[in-house]
């Protein structure tokens, strides 16, 4: 069994309106040292796979087909055997 921790973030070239709003709130709260905020998603997926390579392939396909929008988002993941 494997556990994948997946991180999906907007590409650097894509404006992040949520991040801009959070940055503004942080500045209002007195955290003027914050220069940028980017909002993303974190997912955890447990899967049965015959090998680490099979798990990596499955998670990559999941990310490409469902968890991320490849036009505006990037993804990366960490895989551990549990």
PDB file of N, CA and C in Angstrom:
ATOM      1  N   UNK A   1       0.843  -1.168   0.000  1.00  0.00           N
ATOM      2  CA  UNK A   1       0.000   0.000   0.000  1.00  0.00           C
ATOM      3  C   UNK A   1       0.891   1.234   0.000  1.00  0.00           C
ATOM      4  N   UNK A   2       0.454   2.241  -0.715  1.00  0.00           N
ATOM      5  CA  UNK A   2       1.194   3.491  -0.826  1.00  0.00           C
ATOM      6  C   UNK A   2       0.293   4.660  -0.460  1.00  0.00           C
ATOM      7  N   UNK A   3       0.916   5.716   0.051  1.00  0.00           N
ATOM      8  CA  UNK A   3       0.201   6.963   0.314  1.00  0.00           C
ATOM      9  C   UNK A   3       0.868   8.055  -0.502  1.00  0.00           C
ATOM     10  N   UNK A   4       0.061   8.747  -1.290  1.00  0.00           N
ATOM     11  CA  UNK A   4       0.555   9.873  -2.078  1.00  0.00           C
ATOM     12  C   UNK A   4       0.039  11.165  -1.460  1.00  0.00           C
ATOM     13  N   UNK A   5       0.934  12.092  -1.238  1.00  0.00           N
ATOM     14  CA  UNK A   5       0.551  13.439  -0.832  1.00  0.00           C
ATOM     15  C   UNK A   5       0.776  14.312  -2.063  1.00  0.00           C
ATOM     16  N   UNK A   6      -0.323  14.890  -2.548  1.00  0.00           N
ATOM     17  CA  UNK A   6      -0.317  15.613  -3.824  1.00  0.00           C
ATOM     18  C   UNK A   6      -0.499  17.106  -3.559  1.00  0.00           C
ATOM     19  N   UNK A   7       0.316  17.909  -4.225  1.00  0.00           N
ATOM     20  CA  UNK A   7       0.235  19.365  -4.104  1.00  0.00           C
ATOM     21  C   UNK A   7      -0.088  19.938  -5.483  1.00  0.00           C
ATOM     22  N   UNK A   8      -1.188  20.678  -5.559  1.00  0.00           N
ATOM     23  CA  UNK A   8      -1.610  21.302  -6.811  1.00  0.00           C
ATOM     24  C   UNK A   8      -1.564  22.815  -6.602  1.00  0.00           C
ATOM     25  N   UNK A   9      -0.841  23.514  -7.467  1.00  0.00           N
ATOM     26  CA  UNK A   9      -0.704  24.968  -7.346  1.00  0.00           C
ATOM     27  C   UNK A   9      -0.921  25.626  -8.703  1.00  0.00           C
ATOM     28  N   UNK A  10      -1.322  26.881  -8.650  1.00  0.00           N
ATOM     29  CA  UNK A  10      -1.446  27.634  -9.890  1.00  0.00           C
ATOM     30  C   UNK A  10      -0.063  27.860 -10.485  1.00  0.00           C
ATOM     31  N   UNK A  11       0.010  27.861 -11.798  1.00  0.00           N
ATOM     32  CA  UNK A  11       1.277  28.177 -12.458  1.00  0.00           C
ATOM     33  C   UNK A  11       1.661  29.606 -12.112  1.00  0.00           C
ATOM     34  N   UNK A  12       2.956  29.875 -12.103  1.00  0.00           N
ATOM     35  CA  UNK A  12       3.453  31.200 -11.736  1.00  0.00           C
ATOM     36  C   UNK A  12       2.862  32.312 -12.609  1.00  0.00           C
ATOM     37  N   UNK A  13       2.557  32.002 -13.855  1.00  0.00           N
ATOM     38  CA  UNK A  13       2.047  33.021 -14.780  1.00  0.00           C
ATOM     39  C   UNK A  13       0.564  33.307 -14.588  1.00  0.00           C
ATOM     40  N   UNK A  14      -0.113  32.556 -13.712  1.00  0.00           N
ATOM     41  CA  UNK A  14      -1.553  32.705 -13.508  1.00  0.00           C
ATOM     42  C   UNK A  14      -1.806  33.555 -12.261  1.00  0.00           C
ATOM     43  N   UNK A  15      -2.649  34.576 -12.406  1.00  0.00           N
ATOM     44  CA  UNK A  15      -3.019  35.427 -11.290  1.00  0.00           C
ATOM     45  C   UNK A  15      -3.785  34.612 -10.252  1.00  0.00           C
ATOM     46  N   UNK A  16      -3.480  34.810  -8.980  1.00  0.00           N
ATOM     47  CA  UNK A  16      -4.129  34.096  -7.881  1.00  0.00           C
ATOM     48  C   UNK A  16      -4.946  35.088  -7.057  1.00  0.00           C
ATOM     49  N   UNK A  17      -6.235  35.306  -7.404  1.00  0.00           N
ATOM     50  CA  UNK A  17      -7.032  36.299  -6.683  1.00  0.00           C
ATOM     51  C   UNK A  17      -7.230  35.957  -5.203  1.00  0.00           C
ATOM     52  N   UNK A  18      -7.319  34.667  -4.867  1.00  0.00           N
ATOM     53  CA  UNK A  18      -7.423  34.289  -3.452  1.00  0.00           C
ATOM     54  C   UNK A  18      -6.154  34.679  -2.701  1.00  0.00           C
ATOM     55  N   UNK A  19      -5.023  34.416  -3.313  1.00  0.00           N
ATOM     56  CA  UNK A  19      -3.753  34.771  -2.691  1.00  0.00           C
ATOM     57  C   UNK A  19      -3.629  36.270  -2.481  1.00  0.00           C
ATOM     58  N   UNK A  20      -4.080  37.059  -3.461  1.00  0.00           N
ATOM     59  CA  UNK A  20      -4.042  38.518  -3.356  1.00  0.00           C
ATOM     60  C   UNK A  20      -4.927  38.983  -2.189  1.00  0.00           C
ATOM     61  N   UNK A  21      -6.117  38.382  -2.058  1.00  0.00           N
ATOM     62  CA  UNK A  21      -7.031  38.746  -0.976  1.00  0.00           C
ATOM     63  C   UNK A  21      -6.433  38.400   0.392  1.00  0.00           C
ATOM     64  N   UNK A  22      -5.828  37.229   0.494  1.00  0.00           N
ATOM     65  CA  UNK A  22      -5.215  36.821   1.765  1.00  0.00           C
ATOM     66  C   UNK A  22      -4.043  37.731   2.096  1.00  0.00           C
ATOM     67  N   UNK A  23      -3.237  38.070   1.110  1.00  0.00           N
ATOM     68  CA  UNK A  23      -2.108  38.981   1.342  1.00  0.00           C
ATOM     69  C   UNK A  23      -2.614  40.326   1.860  1.00  0.00           C
ATOM     70  N   UNK A  24      -3.687  40.832   1.252  1.00  0.00           N
ATOM     71  CA  UNK A  24      -4.261  42.094   1.719  1.00  0.00           C
ATOM     72  C   UNK A  24      -4.740  42.002   3.156  1.00  0.00           C
ATOM     73  N   UNK A  25      -5.365  40.897   3.513  1.00  0.00           N
ATOM     74  CA  UNK A  25      -5.826  40.699   4.895  1.00  0.00           C
ATOM     75  C   UNK A  25      -4.653  40.625   5.865  1.00  0.00           C
ATOM     76  N   UNK A  26      -3.600  39.928   5.458  1.00  0.00           N
ATOM     77  CA  UNK A  26      -2.419  39.839   6.318  1.00  0.00           C
ATOM     78  C   UNK A  26      -1.801  41.215   6.536  1.00  0.00           C
ATOM     79  N   UNK A  27      -1.751  42.030   5.488  1.00  0.00           N
ATOM     80  CA  UNK A  27      -1.210  43.384   5.631  1.00  0.00           C
ATOM     81  C   UNK A  27      -2.085  44.192   6.586  1.00  0.00           C
ATOM     82  N   UNK A  28      -3.405  44.032   6.468  1.00  0.00           N
ATOM     83  CA  UNK A  28      -4.328  44.738   7.359  1.00  0.00           C
ATOM     84  C   UNK A  28      -4.114  44.312   8.813  1.00  0.00           C
ATOM     85  N   UNK A  29      -3.748  43.065   9.008  1.00  0.00           N
ATOM     86  CA  UNK A  29      -3.513  42.537  10.355  1.00  0.00           C
ATOM     87  C   UNK A  29      -2.126  42.911  10.890  1.00  0.00           C
ATOM     88  N   UNK A  30      -1.334  43.589  10.081  1.00  0.00           N
ATOM     89  CA  UNK A  30      -0.025  44.039  10.545  1.00  0.00           C
ATOM     90  C   UNK A  30       1.152  43.210  10.063  1.00  0.00           C
ATOM     91  N   UNK A  31       0.913  42.243   9.210  1.00  0.00           N
ATOM     92  CA  UNK A  31       1.992  41.411   8.677  1.00  0.00           C
ATOM     93  C   UNK A  31       2.511  41.994   7.362  1.00  0.00           C
ATOM     94  N   UNK A  32       3.076  43.178   7.451  1.00  0.00           N
ATOM     95  CA  UNK A  32       3.516  43.886   6.244  1.00  0.00           C
ATOM     96  C   UNK A  32       4.729  43.234   5.585  1.00  0.00           C
ATOM     97  N   UNK A  33       5.398  42.318   6.286  1.00  0.00           N
ATOM     98  CA  UNK A  33       6.566  41.646   5.711  1.00  0.00           C
ATOM     99  C   UNK A  33       6.184  40.594   4.676  1.00  0.00           C
ATOM    100  N   UNK A  34       4.898  40.232   4.590  1.00  0.00           N
ATOM    101  CA  UNK A  34       4.449  39.235   3.614  1.00  0.00           C
ATOM    102  C   UNK A  34       4.431  39.894   2.238  1.00  0.00           C
ATOM    103  N   UNK A  35       5.197  39.331   1.296  1.00  0.00           N
ATOM    104  CA  UNK A  35       5.281  39.926  -0.033  1.00  0.00           C
ATOM    105  C   UNK A  35       4.427  39.206  -1.073  1.00  0.00           C
ATOM    106  N   UNK A  36       4.053  37.947  -0.815  1.00  0.00           N
ATOM    107  CA  UNK A  36       3.229  37.221  -1.785  1.00  0.00           C
ATOM    108  C   UNK A  36       2.569  36.033  -1.101  1.00  0.00           C
ATOM    109  N   UNK A  37       1.381  35.687  -1.564  1.00  0.00           N
ATOM    110  CA  UNK A  37       0.665  34.503  -1.076  1.00  0.00           C
ATOM    111  C   UNK A  37       0.101  33.788  -2.292  1.00  0.00           C
ATOM    112  N   UNK A  38       0.313  32.481  -2.358  1.00  0.00           N
ATOM    113  CA  UNK A  38      -0.259  31.640  -3.407  1.00  0.00           C
ATOM    114  C   UNK A  38      -1.069  30.547  -2.725  1.00  0.00           C
ATOM    115  N   UNK A  39      -2.285  30.339  -3.167  1.00  0.00           N
ATOM    116  CA  UNK A  39      -3.180  29.346  -2.587  1.00  0.00           C
ATOM    117  C   UNK A  39      -3.161  28.097  -3.469  1.00  0.00           C
ATOM    118  N   UNK A  40      -3.164  26.931  -2.863  1.00  0.00           N
ATOM    119  CA  UNK A  40      -3.160  25.680  -3.618  1.00  0.00           C
ATOM    120  C   UNK A  40      -3.997  24.625  -2.917  1.00  0.00           C
ATOM    121  N   UNK A  41      -3.880  23.396  -3.393  1.00  0.00           N
ATOM    122  CA  UNK A  41      -4.608  22.267  -2.825  1.00  0.00           C
ATOM    123  C   UNK A  41      -3.618  21.194  -2.400  1.00  0.00           C
ATOM    124  N   UNK A  42      -3.968  20.493  -1.337  1.00  0.00           N
ATOM    125  CA  UNK A  42      -3.188  19.345  -0.871  1.00  0.00           C
ATOM    126  C   UNK A  42      -4.150  18.181  -0.757  1.00  0.00           C
ATOM    127  N   UNK A  43      -3.807  17.064  -1.377  1.00  0.00           N
ATOM    128  CA  UNK A  43      -4.641  15.874  -1.345  1.00  0.00           C
ATOM    129  C   UNK A  43      -3.815  14.709  -0.831  1.00  0.00           C
ATOM    130  N   UNK A  44      -4.468  13.778  -0.137  1.00  0.00           N
ATOM    131  CA  UNK A  44      -3.822  12.539   0.281  1.00  0.00           C
ATOM    132  C   UNK A  44      -4.613  11.389  -0.321  1.00  0.00           C
ATOM    133  N   UNK A  45      -3.913  10.499  -0.995  1.00  0.00           N
ATOM    134  CA  UNK A  45      -4.550   9.354  -1.643  1.00  0.00           C
ATOM    135  C   UNK A  45      -3.823   8.086  -1.201  1.00  0.00           C
ATOM    136  N   UNK A  46      -4.581   7.121  -0.702  1.00  0.00           N
ATOM    137  CA  UNK A  46      -4.017   5.810  -0.370  1.00  0.00           C
ATOM    138  C   UNK A  46      -4.389   4.864  -1.498  1.00  0.00           C
ATOM    139  N   UNK A  47      -3.422   4.078  -1.963  1.00  0.00           N
ATOM    140  CA  UNK A  47      -3.715   3.168  -3.058  1.00  0.00           C
ATOM    141  C   UNK A  47      -2.912   1.885  -2.938  1.00  0.00           C
ATOM    142  N   UNK A  48      -3.530   0.801  -3.385  1.00  0.00           N
ATOM    143  CA  UNK A  48      -2.842  -0.479  -3.483  1.00  0.00           C
ATOM    144  C   UNK A  48      -2.204  -0.529  -4.864  1.00  0.00           C
ATOM    145  N   UNK A  49      -0.931  -0.770  -4.907  1.00  0.00           N
ATOM    146  CA  UNK A  49      -0.227  -0.877  -6.183  1.00  0.00           C
ATOM    147  C   UNK A  49       0.821  -1.974  -6.054  1.00  0.00           C
ATOM    148  N   UNK A  50       1.142  -2.579  -7.172  1.00  0.00           N
ATOM    149  CA  UNK A  50       2.088  -3.698  -7.155  1.00  0.00           C
ATOM    150  C   UNK A  50       3.536  -3.263  -6.932  1.00  0.00           C
ATOM    151  N   UNK A  51       3.825  -1.982  -7.233  1.00  0.00           N
ATOM    152  CA  UNK A  51       5.186  -1.471  -7.063  1.00  0.00           C
ATOM    153  C   UNK A  51       5.145   0.040  -6.938  1.00  0.00           C
ATOM    154  N   UNK A  52       6.275   0.610  -6.569  1.00  0.00           N
ATOM    155  CA  UNK A  52       6.351   2.070  -6.474  1.00  0.00           C
ATOM    156  C   UNK A  52       6.171   2.693  -7.854  1.00  0.00           C
ATOM    157  N   UNK A  53       6.736   2.084  -8.867  1.00  0.00           N
ATOM    158  CA  UNK A  53       6.599   2.614 -10.227  1.00  0.00           C
ATOM    159  C   UNK A  53       5.139   2.619 -10.665  1.00  0.00           C
ATOM    160  N   UNK A  54       4.402   1.557 -10.344  1.00  0.00           N
ATOM    161  CA  UNK A  54       2.979   1.491 -10.697  1.00  0.00           C
ATOM    162  C   UNK A  54       2.190   2.553  -9.934  1.00  0.00           C
ATOM    163  N   UNK A  55       2.536   2.768  -8.664  1.00  0.00           N
ATOM    164  CA  UNK A  55       1.862   3.799  -7.873  1.00  0.00           C
ATOM    165  C   UNK A  55       2.149   5.183  -8.445  1.00  0.00           C
ATOM    166  N   UNK A  56       3.404   5.451  -8.809  1.00  0.00           N
ATOM    167  CA  UNK A  56       3.770   6.748  -9.399  1.00  0.00           C
ATOM    168  C   UNK A  56       3.011   6.993 -10.698  1.00  0.00           C
ATOM    169  N   UNK A  57       2.919   5.977 -11.524  1.00  0.00           N
ATOM    170  CA  UNK A  57       2.204   6.120 -12.790  1.00  0.00           C
ATOM    171  C   UNK A  57       0.721   6.407 -12.546  1.00  0.00           C
ATOM    172  N   UNK A  58       0.118   5.672 -11.609  1.00  0.00           N
ATOM    173  CA  UNK A  58      -1.306   5.867 -11.314  1.00  0.00           C
ATOM    174  C   UNK A  58      -1.565   7.274 -10.771  1.00  0.00           C
ATOM    175  N   UNK A  59      -0.733   7.728  -9.840  1.00  0.00           N
ATOM    176  CA  UNK A  59      -0.927   9.057  -9.257  1.00  0.00           C
ATOM    177  C   UNK A  59      -0.714  10.139 -10.308  1.00  0.00           C
ATOM    178  N   UNK A  60       0.269   9.983 -11.156  1.00  0.00           N
ATOM    179  CA  UNK A  60       0.495  10.958 -12.226  1.00  0.00           C
ATOM    180  C   UNK A  60      -0.738  11.069 -13.124  1.00  0.00           C
ATOM    181  N   UNK A  61      -1.303   9.940 -13.506  1.00  0.00           N
ATOM    182  CA  UNK A  61      -2.504   9.964 -14.345  1.00  0.00           C
ATOM    183  C   UNK A  61      -3.689  10.591 -13.621  1.00  0.00           C
ATOM    184  N   UNK A  62      -3.854  10.296 -12.333  1.00  0.00           N
ATOM    185  CA  UNK A  62      -4.925  10.917 -11.549  1.00  0.00           C
ATOM    186  C   UNK A  62      -4.790  12.436 -11.546  1.00  0.00           C
ATOM    187  N   UNK A  63      -3.565  12.894 -11.348  1.00  0.00           N
ATOM    188  CA  UNK A  63      -3.316  14.336 -11.317  1.00  0.00           C
ATOM    189  C   UNK A  63      -3.598  14.978 -12.668  1.00  0.00           C
ATOM    190  N   UNK A  64      -3.166  14.322 -13.727  1.00  0.00           N
ATOM    191  CA  UNK A  64      -3.367  14.866 -15.072  1.00  0.00           C
ATOM    192  C   UNK A  64      -4.832  14.876 -15.482  1.00  0.00           C
ATOM    193  N   UNK A  65      -5.581  13.848 -15.062  1.00  0.00           N
ATOM    194  CA  UNK A  65      -6.961  13.696 -15.528  1.00  0.00           C
ATOM    195  C   UNK A  65      -8.003  14.323 -14.609  1.00  0.00           C
ATOM    196  N   UNK A  66      -7.707  14.422 -13.303  1.00  0.00           N
ATOM    197  CA  UNK A  66      -8.750  14.859 -12.379  1.00  0.00           C
ATOM    198  C   UNK A  66      -8.327  15.955 -11.405  1.00  0.00           C
ATOM    199  N   UNK A  67      -7.184  15.782 -10.750  1.00  0.00           N
ATOM    200  CA  UNK A  67      -6.838  16.669  -9.652  1.00  0.00           C
ATOM    201  C   UNK A  67      -6.335  18.042 -10.077  1.00  0.00           C
ATOM    202  N   UNK A  68      -5.829  18.179 -11.290  1.00  0.00           N
ATOM    203  CA  UNK A  68      -5.296  19.469 -11.718  1.00  0.00           C
ATOM    204  C   UNK A  68      -5.831  19.833 -13.097  1.00  0.00           C
ATOM    205  N   UNK A  69      -5.831  21.114 -13.353  1.00  0.00           N
ATOM    206  CA  UNK A  69      -6.147  21.638 -14.679  1.00  0.00           C
ATOM    207  C   UNK A  69      -4.804  21.990 -15.319  1.00  0.00           C
ATOM    208  N   UNK A  70      -4.340  21.196 -16.276  1.00  0.00           N
ATOM    209  CA  UNK A  70      -2.984  21.393 -16.808  1.00  0.00           C
ATOM    210  C   UNK A  70      -2.768  22.735 -17.510  1.00  0.00           C
ATOM    211  N   UNK A  71      -3.832  23.418 -17.852  1.00  0.00           N
ATOM    212  CA  UNK A  71      -3.691  24.727 -18.496  1.00  0.00           C
ATOM    213  C   UNK A  71      -3.207  25.772 -17.496  1.00  0.00           C
ATOM    214  N   UNK A  72      -3.710  25.702 -16.252  1.00  0.00           N
ATOM    215  CA  UNK A  72      -3.381  26.749 -15.280  1.00  0.00           C
ATOM    216  C   UNK A  72      -2.701  26.244 -14.013  1.00  0.00           C
ATOM    217  N   UNK A  73      -2.589  24.921 -13.855  1.00  0.00           N
ATOM    218  CA  UNK A  73      -2.037  24.388 -12.605  1.00  0.00           C
ATOM    219  C   UNK A  73      -0.874  23.422 -12.849  1.00  0.00           C
ATOM    220  N   UNK A  74       0.009  23.379 -11.866  1.00  0.00           N
ATOM    221  CA  UNK A  74       1.089  22.397 -11.805  1.00  0.00           C
ATOM    222  C   UNK A  74       0.809  21.465 -10.637  1.00  0.00           C
ATOM    223  N   UNK A  75       1.414  20.287 -10.664  1.00  0.00           N
ATOM    224  CA  UNK A  75       1.288  19.379  -9.533  1.00  0.00           C
ATOM    225  C   UNK A  75       2.617  18.705  -9.266  1.00  0.00           C
ATOM    226  N   UNK A  76       2.747  18.267  -8.037  1.00  0.00           N
ATOM    227  CA  UNK A  76       3.872  17.424  -7.628  1.00  0.00           C
ATOM    228  C   UNK A  76       3.338  16.530  -6.531  1.00  0.00           C
ATOM    229  N   UNK A  77       4.014  15.425  -6.297  1.00  0.00           N
ATOM    230  CA  UNK A  77       3.564  14.539  -5.233  1.00  0.00           C
ATOM    231  C   UNK A  77       4.726  13.843  -4.572  1.00  0.00           C
ATOM    232  N   UNK A  78       4.463  13.424  -3.332  1.00  0.00           N
ATOM    233  CA  UNK A  78       5.397  12.614  -2.562  1.00  0.00           C
ATOM    234  C   UNK A  78       4.724  11.274  -2.347  1.00  0.00           C
ATOM    235  N   UNK A  79       5.467  10.212  -2.516  1.00  0.00           N
ATOM    236  CA  UNK A  79       4.916   8.868  -2.402  1.00  0.00           C
ATOM    237  C   UNK A  79       5.667   8.117  -1.324  1.00  0.00           C
ATOM    238  N   UNK A  80       4.909   7.479  -0.412  1.00  0.00           N
ATOM    239  CA  UNK A  80       5.549   6.674   0.614  1.00  0.00           C
ATOM    240  C   UNK A  80       4.821   5.349   0.755  1.00  0.00           C
ATOM    241  N   UNK A  81       5.594   4.337   1.055  1.00  0.00           N
ATOM    242  CA  UNK A  81       5.015   3.010   1.281  1.00  0.00           C
ATOM    243  C   UNK A  81       4.546   2.943   2.725  1.00  0.00           C
ATOM    244  N   UNK A  82       3.320   2.482   2.906  1.00  0.00           N
ATOM    245  CA  UNK A  82       2.765   2.386   4.275  1.00  0.00           C
ATOM    246  C   UNK A  82       2.326   0.971   4.576  1.00  0.00           C
TER     247      UNK A  82
END
